[in-house]
Amino acid sequence: MSELQRVEVIKILGVTVTNGLSVSAHVQTVTASRAQALLYALRVLRVHGLRDSTLQTIYRTVVCCRR
């Protein structure tokens, strides 16, 4: 019979949970992923000719005012 290994972090149904039942690691991962997606989208929009002022408005709308 094999022994069970103790882990500090596990991903269950897509949610990262630590051995202290904290989801802060999950929140950090999701936040970083969304930030990367936003930056990519802004780069694509810039390549397609959107003006800087419009890009700034989109950024402020998504990052600052989202609730």
N, C-alpha and C. Protein backbone atom coordinates (compact mmCIF):
# COMPACT_ATOMS: atom_id res chain seq x y z
N MET A 1 0.85 -1.18 0.00
CA MET A 1 0.00 0.00 0.00
C MET A 1 0.89 1.24 0.00
N SER A 2 0.58 2.22 -0.85
CA SER A 2 1.39 3.43 -0.93
C SER A 2 0.97 4.44 0.13
N GLU A 3 1.93 5.25 0.50
CA GLU A 3 1.65 6.28 1.50
C GLU A 3 1.07 7.52 0.83
N LEU A 4 0.24 8.24 1.55
CA LEU A 4 -0.30 9.50 1.06
C LEU A 4 0.72 10.60 1.27
N GLN A 5 0.81 11.50 0.30
CA GLN A 5 1.73 12.62 0.43
C GLN A 5 0.95 13.86 0.85
N ARG A 6 1.55 14.60 1.75
CA ARG A 6 0.94 15.86 2.19
C ARG A 6 1.40 16.96 1.23
N VAL A 7 0.45 17.76 0.77
CA VAL A 7 0.76 18.86 -0.14
C VAL A 7 0.34 20.18 0.50
N GLU A 8 0.97 21.24 0.05
CA GLU A 8 0.62 22.56 0.58
C GLU A 8 -0.42 23.26 -0.27
N VAL A 9 -0.46 22.93 -1.57
CA VAL A 9 -1.39 23.57 -2.49
C VAL A 9 -1.97 22.50 -3.40
N ILE A 10 -3.27 22.60 -3.65
CA ILE A 10 -3.94 21.66 -4.56
C ILE A 10 -4.96 22.43 -5.39
N LYS A 11 -5.14 21.97 -6.61
CA LYS A 11 -6.14 22.59 -7.48
C LYS A 11 -7.32 21.63 -7.57
N ILE A 12 -8.49 22.10 -7.10
CA ILE A 12 -9.70 21.29 -7.08
C ILE A 12 -10.76 22.00 -7.92
N LEU A 13 -11.23 21.33 -8.96
CA LEU A 13 -12.25 21.90 -9.84
C LEU A 13 -11.85 23.28 -10.36
N GLY A 14 -10.57 23.46 -10.64
CA GLY A 14 -10.08 24.72 -11.18
C GLY A 14 -9.79 25.79 -10.15
N VAL A 15 -9.97 25.49 -8.87
CA VAL A 15 -9.71 26.47 -7.81
C VAL A 15 -8.50 26.01 -7.01
N THR A 16 -7.51 26.88 -6.88
CA THR A 16 -6.31 26.57 -6.12
C THR A 16 -6.57 26.85 -4.65
N VAL A 17 -6.33 25.83 -3.81
CA VAL A 17 -6.58 25.94 -2.37
C VAL A 17 -5.30 25.53 -1.64
N THR A 18 -4.93 26.30 -0.61
CA THR A 18 -3.75 25.96 0.17
C THR A 18 -4.14 25.08 1.37
N ASN A 19 -3.13 24.55 2.06
CA ASN A 19 -3.41 23.69 3.20
C ASN A 19 -4.07 24.45 4.36
N GLY A 20 -4.07 25.76 4.33
CA GLY A 20 -4.78 26.56 5.34
C GLY A 20 -6.15 27.00 4.86
N LEU A 21 -6.65 26.37 3.80
CA LEU A 21 -7.94 26.68 3.17
C LEU A 21 -8.03 28.11 2.65
N SER A 22 -6.91 28.65 2.27
CA SER A 22 -6.87 29.99 1.69
C SER A 22 -6.98 29.89 0.17
N VAL A 23 -7.66 30.83 -0.43
CA VAL A 23 -7.74 30.87 -1.89
C VAL A 23 -6.96 32.06 -2.46
N SER A 24 -6.08 32.63 -1.66
CA SER A 24 -5.31 33.79 -2.12
C SER A 24 -4.42 33.43 -3.31
N ALA A 25 -3.86 32.23 -3.33
CA ALA A 25 -3.05 31.81 -4.48
C ALA A 25 -3.91 31.75 -5.74
N HIS A 26 -5.15 31.31 -5.60
CA HIS A 26 -6.08 31.25 -6.74
C HIS A 26 -6.39 32.67 -7.23
N VAL A 27 -6.66 33.56 -6.32
CA VAL A 27 -6.98 34.94 -6.69
C VAL A 27 -5.80 35.58 -7.41
N GLN A 28 -4.59 35.35 -6.93
CA GLN A 28 -3.39 35.90 -7.58
C GLN A 28 -3.23 35.34 -8.98
N THR A 29 -3.46 34.04 -9.15
CA THR A 29 -3.33 33.42 -10.47
C THR A 29 -4.36 33.97 -11.44
N VAL A 30 -5.60 34.08 -11.00
CA VAL A 30 -6.67 34.59 -11.87
C VAL A 30 -6.42 36.05 -12.22
N THR A 31 -6.00 36.83 -11.25
CA THR A 31 -5.73 38.26 -11.49
C THR A 31 -4.60 38.43 -12.50
N ALA A 32 -3.53 37.68 -12.35
CA ALA A 32 -2.41 37.77 -13.29
C ALA A 32 -2.83 37.35 -14.69
N SER A 33 -3.63 36.32 -14.79
CA SER A 33 -4.10 35.84 -16.09
C SER A 33 -4.97 36.88 -16.78
N ARG A 34 -5.88 37.49 -16.03
CA ARG A 34 -6.76 38.52 -16.61
C ARG A 34 -5.97 39.75 -17.01
N ALA A 35 -4.94 40.11 -16.23
CA ALA A 35 -4.12 41.27 -16.58
C ALA A 35 -3.38 41.02 -17.89
N GLN A 36 -2.85 39.81 -18.05
CA GLN A 36 -2.17 39.47 -19.30
C GLN A 36 -3.13 39.52 -20.48
N ALA A 37 -4.35 39.02 -20.29
CA ALA A 37 -5.35 39.04 -21.36
C ALA A 37 -5.71 40.47 -21.75
N LEU A 38 -5.85 41.35 -20.75
CA LEU A 38 -6.16 42.75 -21.03
C LEU A 38 -5.04 43.43 -21.81
N LEU A 39 -3.80 43.21 -21.38
CA LEU A 39 -2.67 43.82 -22.09
C LEU A 39 -2.58 43.33 -23.52
N TYR A 40 -2.83 42.04 -23.73
CA TYR A 40 -2.82 41.50 -25.08
C TYR A 40 -3.92 42.16 -25.93
N ALA A 41 -5.12 42.27 -25.37
CA ALA A 41 -6.22 42.89 -26.10
C ALA A 41 -5.91 44.34 -26.46
N LEU A 42 -5.31 45.07 -25.53
CA LEU A 42 -4.96 46.47 -25.81
C LEU A 42 -3.90 46.55 -26.92
N ARG A 43 -2.93 45.62 -26.90
CA ARG A 43 -1.92 45.60 -27.96
C ARG A 43 -2.56 45.33 -29.32
N VAL A 44 -3.48 44.38 -29.37
CA VAL A 44 -4.16 44.06 -30.62
C VAL A 44 -4.96 45.27 -31.12
N LEU A 45 -5.66 45.92 -30.22
CA LEU A 45 -6.43 47.10 -30.61
C LEU A 45 -5.52 48.22 -31.11
N ARG A 46 -4.37 48.38 -30.50
CA ARG A 46 -3.42 49.41 -30.94
C ARG A 46 -2.92 49.09 -32.35
N VAL A 47 -2.60 47.82 -32.59
CA VAL A 47 -2.13 47.41 -33.93
C VAL A 47 -3.20 47.68 -34.98
N HIS A 48 -4.46 47.57 -34.60
CA HIS A 48 -5.55 47.81 -35.54
C HIS A 48 -5.93 49.28 -35.63
N GLY A 49 -5.15 50.15 -35.01
CA GLY A 49 -5.31 51.57 -35.25
C GLY A 49 -6.08 52.37 -34.21
N LEU A 50 -6.43 51.79 -33.07
CA LEU A 50 -7.13 52.57 -32.05
C LEU A 50 -6.19 53.64 -31.48
N ARG A 51 -6.72 54.80 -31.25
CA ARG A 51 -5.91 55.89 -30.71
C ARG A 51 -5.58 55.64 -29.24
N ASP A 52 -4.48 56.25 -28.78
CA ASP A 52 -4.05 56.08 -27.39
C ASP A 52 -5.12 56.53 -26.40
N SER A 53 -5.80 57.63 -26.71
CA SER A 53 -6.83 58.12 -25.78
C SER A 53 -7.97 57.11 -25.63
N THR A 54 -8.32 56.44 -26.72
CA THR A 54 -9.36 55.43 -26.66
C THR A 54 -8.88 54.21 -25.88
N LEU A 55 -7.62 53.80 -26.09
CA LEU A 55 -7.04 52.69 -25.34
C LEU A 55 -7.02 52.99 -23.85
N GLN A 56 -6.69 54.24 -23.50
CA GLN A 56 -6.67 54.63 -22.09
C GLN A 56 -8.07 54.57 -21.49
N THR A 57 -9.06 54.97 -22.26
CA THR A 57 -10.45 54.90 -21.79
C THR A 57 -10.86 53.45 -21.54
N ILE A 58 -10.50 52.56 -22.45
CA ILE A 58 -10.82 51.14 -22.29
C ILE A 58 -10.13 50.60 -21.04
N TYR A 59 -8.85 50.94 -20.87
CA TYR A 59 -8.10 50.46 -19.70
C TYR A 59 -8.76 50.94 -18.41
N ARG A 60 -9.05 52.23 -18.34
CA ARG A 60 -9.68 52.78 -17.12
C ARG A 60 -11.04 52.13 -16.87
N THR A 61 -11.80 51.89 -17.91
CA THR A 61 -13.12 51.27 -17.75
C THR A 61 -13.00 49.86 -17.20
N VAL A 62 -12.06 49.09 -17.73
CA VAL A 62 -11.92 47.69 -17.31
C VAL A 62 -11.26 47.56 -15.95
N VAL A 63 -10.19 48.32 -15.71
CA VAL A 63 -9.39 48.14 -14.50
C VAL A 63 -9.92 48.98 -13.33
N CYS A 64 -10.19 50.23 -13.56
CA CYS A 64 -10.52 51.14 -12.47
C CYS A 64 -11.98 51.10 -12.02
N CYS A 65 -12.86 50.96 -12.95
CA CYS A 65 -14.27 51.15 -12.63
C CYS A 65 -15.07 49.86 -12.60
N ARG A 66 -14.44 48.73 -12.73
CA ARG A 66 -15.16 47.46 -12.75
C ARG A 66 -15.54 47.03 -11.34
N ARG A 67 -16.82 46.77 -11.15
CA ARG A 67 -17.27 46.33 -9.82
C ARG A 67 -18.36 45.33 -9.94
